[in-house]
Amino acid sequence: MKRSDSTTILVVDDEPDIQTFFCTALEDAGFRVLAAANGAAAGRILGERPVDLVTVDLVMPTESGLELYRKLRADQRTAGVPVLVISAHARDELGRRDFRDIIRGESIPAPDGYLEKPVDPVVLVRTVAQVLGVQLSPFYRPEADALREELLSRLHEADLETLYRVRNLLR
């Protein structure tokens, strides 16, 4: 089975904060990640190097996610690259029509997956790993990180007696 650290993901999203969020979540899981702010920039990256999966936001300036998706499927070099559509506009006027067109798979094959924003980083990473059939690093343990954060928060609020008891338990 392929490992995440030998896999390259291209994140295509026009919102810098979301792009950073997705890239960080995927990098933390061991993936190599490239980013593009729109379909045109993604096309330039894909012309320079192959990737193993592309995440595509539907509503973007310059070239929409639907336009990019159509180009990916029409190009022999990228037709087999898995695509994960990620959108906040699947149900509103901005993206409902594009989403319907892309999911139906009538004129082009349906994408390999779909996530609706806001996206939980664990769900994003697991969906990408599942679509690619890759094994995540054994060091990727988001549940452990969440538990550590919760415990640290509770420790900051604990009285001195509780802190001593916790320390003794950990010994």
Protein backbone atom coordinates (compact mmCIF):
# COMPACT_ATOMS: atom_id res chain seq x y z
CA MET A 1 0.00 0.00 0.00
CA LYS A 2 1.25 3.46 -0.91
CA ARG A 3 2.15 5.82 1.95
CA SER A 4 0.98 9.40 2.34
CA ASP A 5 4.53 10.78 2.29
CA SER A 6 4.99 9.58 -1.28
CA THR A 7 1.77 11.26 -2.44
CA THR A 8 1.30 14.79 -3.81
CA ILE A 9 -1.98 16.67 -3.46
CA LEU A 10 -2.89 19.86 -5.33
CA VAL A 11 -5.26 22.07 -3.31
CA VAL A 12 -7.20 24.52 -5.49
CA ASP A 13 -9.09 27.18 -3.54
CA ASP A 14 -9.30 30.96 -3.98
CA GLU A 15 -9.62 31.72 -0.26
CA PRO A 16 -6.11 31.98 1.28
CA ASP A 17 -7.24 30.97 4.78
CA ILE A 18 -9.02 27.85 3.54
CA GLN A 19 -6.13 26.99 1.25
CA THR A 20 -3.71 27.25 4.20
CA PHE A 21 -6.07 25.23 6.42
CA PHE A 22 -6.35 22.38 3.86
CA CYS A 23 -2.62 22.40 3.08
CA THR A 24 -1.67 22.31 6.76
CA ALA A 25 -4.07 19.45 7.55
CA LEU A 26 -2.75 17.40 4.64
CA GLU A 27 0.91 18.21 5.36
CA ASP A 28 0.43 17.26 9.01
CA ALA A 29 -0.79 13.86 7.79
CA GLY A 30 2.38 13.42 5.75
CA PHE A 31 1.20 14.38 2.26
CA ARG A 32 3.23 16.59 -0.04
CA VAL A 33 1.01 19.53 -0.95
CA LEU A 34 0.92 22.14 -3.71
CA ALA A 35 -1.59 24.99 -3.85
CA ALA A 36 -3.30 27.11 -6.49
CA ALA A 37 -5.74 30.01 -6.09
CA ASN A 38 -7.78 29.23 -9.21
CA GLY A 39 -8.17 26.87 -12.13
CA ALA A 40 -5.72 28.72 -14.36
CA ALA A 41 -2.96 28.53 -11.74
CA ALA A 42 -3.78 24.86 -11.17
CA GLY A 43 -3.44 24.22 -14.90
CA ARG A 44 0.05 25.74 -14.89
CA ILE A 45 1.11 23.56 -11.95
CA LEU A 46 -0.32 20.44 -13.55
CA GLY A 47 1.55 21.27 -16.76
CA GLU A 48 4.82 21.27 -14.81
CA ARG A 49 4.43 18.21 -12.60
CA PRO A 50 2.13 15.28 -11.94
CA VAL A 51 0.00 15.05 -8.80
CA ASP A 52 -1.83 12.14 -7.20
CA LEU A 53 -5.06 13.99 -6.30
CA VAL A 54 -6.62 17.42 -6.80
CA THR A 55 -9.04 19.12 -4.40
CA VAL A 56 -11.24 21.63 -6.23
CA ASP A 57 -13.37 24.45 -4.88
CA LEU A 58 -16.36 25.02 -7.18
CA VAL A 59 -16.73 28.80 -6.94
CA MET A 60 -13.51 30.62 -7.87
CA PRO A 61 -12.56 33.64 -9.98
CA THR A 62 -10.63 33.43 -13.27
CA GLU A 63 -11.62 29.80 -13.87
CA SER A 64 -14.31 28.03 -11.85
CA GLY A 65 -13.91 24.63 -10.28
CA LEU A 66 -16.34 23.19 -12.82
CA GLU A 67 -14.26 24.56 -15.71
CA LEU A 68 -11.09 23.16 -14.14
CA TYR A 69 -12.75 19.80 -13.54
CA ARG A 70 -13.86 19.59 -17.18
CA LYS A 71 -10.32 20.38 -18.33
CA LEU A 72 -8.84 17.77 -15.99
CA ARG A 73 -11.15 15.08 -17.35
CA ALA A 74 -10.60 16.12 -20.98
CA ASP A 75 -6.78 16.12 -20.77
CA GLN A 76 -5.17 12.70 -21.26
CA ARG A 77 -2.45 13.54 -18.72
CA THR A 78 -4.93 14.29 -15.92
CA ALA A 79 -8.04 12.31 -16.86
CA GLY A 80 -7.19 9.57 -14.35
CA VAL A 81 -6.16 11.85 -11.48
CA PRO A 82 -8.68 11.55 -8.62
CA VAL A 83 -10.58 14.77 -7.87
CA LEU A 84 -12.20 15.70 -4.58
CA VAL A 85 -14.71 18.56 -4.90
CA ILE A 86 -14.89 20.75 -1.79
CA SER A 87 -17.48 23.52 -1.74
CA ALA A 88 -19.54 25.73 0.50
CA HIS A 89 -21.92 26.49 -2.37
CA ALA A 90 -23.48 23.15 -3.28
CA ARG A 91 -26.86 24.30 -2.08
CA ASP A 92 -26.92 28.02 -2.88
CA GLU A 93 -27.28 30.08 -6.06
CA LEU A 94 -23.52 30.45 -6.52
CA GLY A 95 -22.76 26.78 -6.92
CA ARG A 96 -25.91 24.66 -6.95
CA ARG A 97 -26.02 24.34 -10.75
CA ASP A 98 -22.29 23.58 -11.09
CA PHE A 99 -22.52 21.07 -8.25
CA ARG A 100 -25.51 19.35 -9.83
CA ASP A 101 -23.74 19.18 -13.20
CA ILE A 102 -20.55 17.75 -11.76
CA ILE A 103 -22.17 15.18 -9.44
CA ARG A 104 -24.58 13.82 -12.04
CA GLY A 105 -21.68 12.58 -14.14
CA GLU A 106 -23.67 12.94 -17.36
CA SER A 107 -21.32 14.91 -19.63
CA ILE A 108 -18.18 14.08 -17.62
CA PRO A 109 -17.52 11.40 -15.00
CA ALA A 110 -18.53 12.29 -11.44
CA PRO A 111 -15.67 13.27 -9.09
CA ASP A 112 -14.06 10.74 -6.81
CA GLY A 113 -15.45 12.45 -3.73
CA TYR A 114 -17.23 15.48 -2.39
CA LEU A 115 -16.97 17.38 0.89
CA GLU A 116 -19.03 20.35 1.99
CA LYS A 117 -17.41 23.30 3.77
CA PRO A 118 -16.74 23.79 6.56
CA VAL A 119 -14.57 20.68 6.43
CA ASP A 120 -13.25 18.94 9.50
CA PRO A 121 -9.49 18.42 8.98
CA VAL A 122 -9.68 14.79 10.09
CA VAL A 123 -12.47 14.12 7.58
CA LEU A 124 -10.45 15.82 4.84
CA VAL A 125 -7.35 13.75 5.53
CA ARG A 126 -9.23 10.48 5.85
CA THR A 127 -11.23 11.13 2.68
CA VAL A 128 -8.07 11.89 0.70
CA ALA A 129 -6.37 8.77 2.08
CA GLN A 130 -9.42 6.65 1.26
CA VAL A 131 -9.76 7.97 -2.29
CA LEU A 132 -6.05 7.32 -2.90
CA GLY A 133 -5.89 4.06 -0.98
CA VAL A 134 -2.89 5.29 0.99
CA GLN A 135 -1.78 4.43 4.47
CA LEU A 136 -1.44 7.40 6.79
CA SER A 137 1.66 7.81 8.90
CA PRO A 138 1.37 6.04 12.26
CA PHE A 139 2.35 9.38 13.81
CA TYR A 140 -0.81 11.03 12.48
CA ARG A 141 -3.12 10.85 15.48
CA PRO A 142 -5.55 13.78 15.46
CA GLU A 143 -7.69 12.17 18.16
CA ALA A 144 -4.68 12.14 20.49
CA ASP A 145 -3.99 15.80 19.73
CA ALA A 146 -7.58 16.76 20.52
CA LEU A 147 -7.43 14.81 23.78
CA ARG A 148 -4.14 16.51 24.74
CA GLU A 149 -5.70 19.93 24.09
CA GLU A 150 -8.70 19.06 26.24
CA LEU A 151 -6.53 17.79 29.08
CA LEU A 152 -4.26 20.84 28.95
CA SER A 153 -7.27 23.11 29.09
CA ARG A 154 -8.62 21.27 32.12
CA LEU A 155 -5.21 21.28 33.80
CA HIS A 156 -5.00 25.06 33.44
CA GLU A 157 -8.28 25.32 35.35
CA ALA A 158 -7.45 22.70 38.00
CA ASP A 159 -6.72 23.44 41.62
CA LEU A 160 -3.38 22.51 43.22
CA GLU A 161 -4.65 19.29 44.80
CA THR A 162 -5.96 18.00 41.46
CA LEU A 163 -2.66 18.85 39.78
CA TYR A 164 -0.75 16.78 42.36
CA ARG A 165 -3.12 13.83 41.86
CA VAL A 166 -2.72 13.99 38.06
CA ARG A 167 1.06 14.14 38.41
CA ASN A 168 1.02 11.08 40.65
CA LEU A 169 -1.18 9.20 38.19
CA LEU A 170 1.19 9.97 35.35
CA ARG A 171 4.18 8.64 37.28
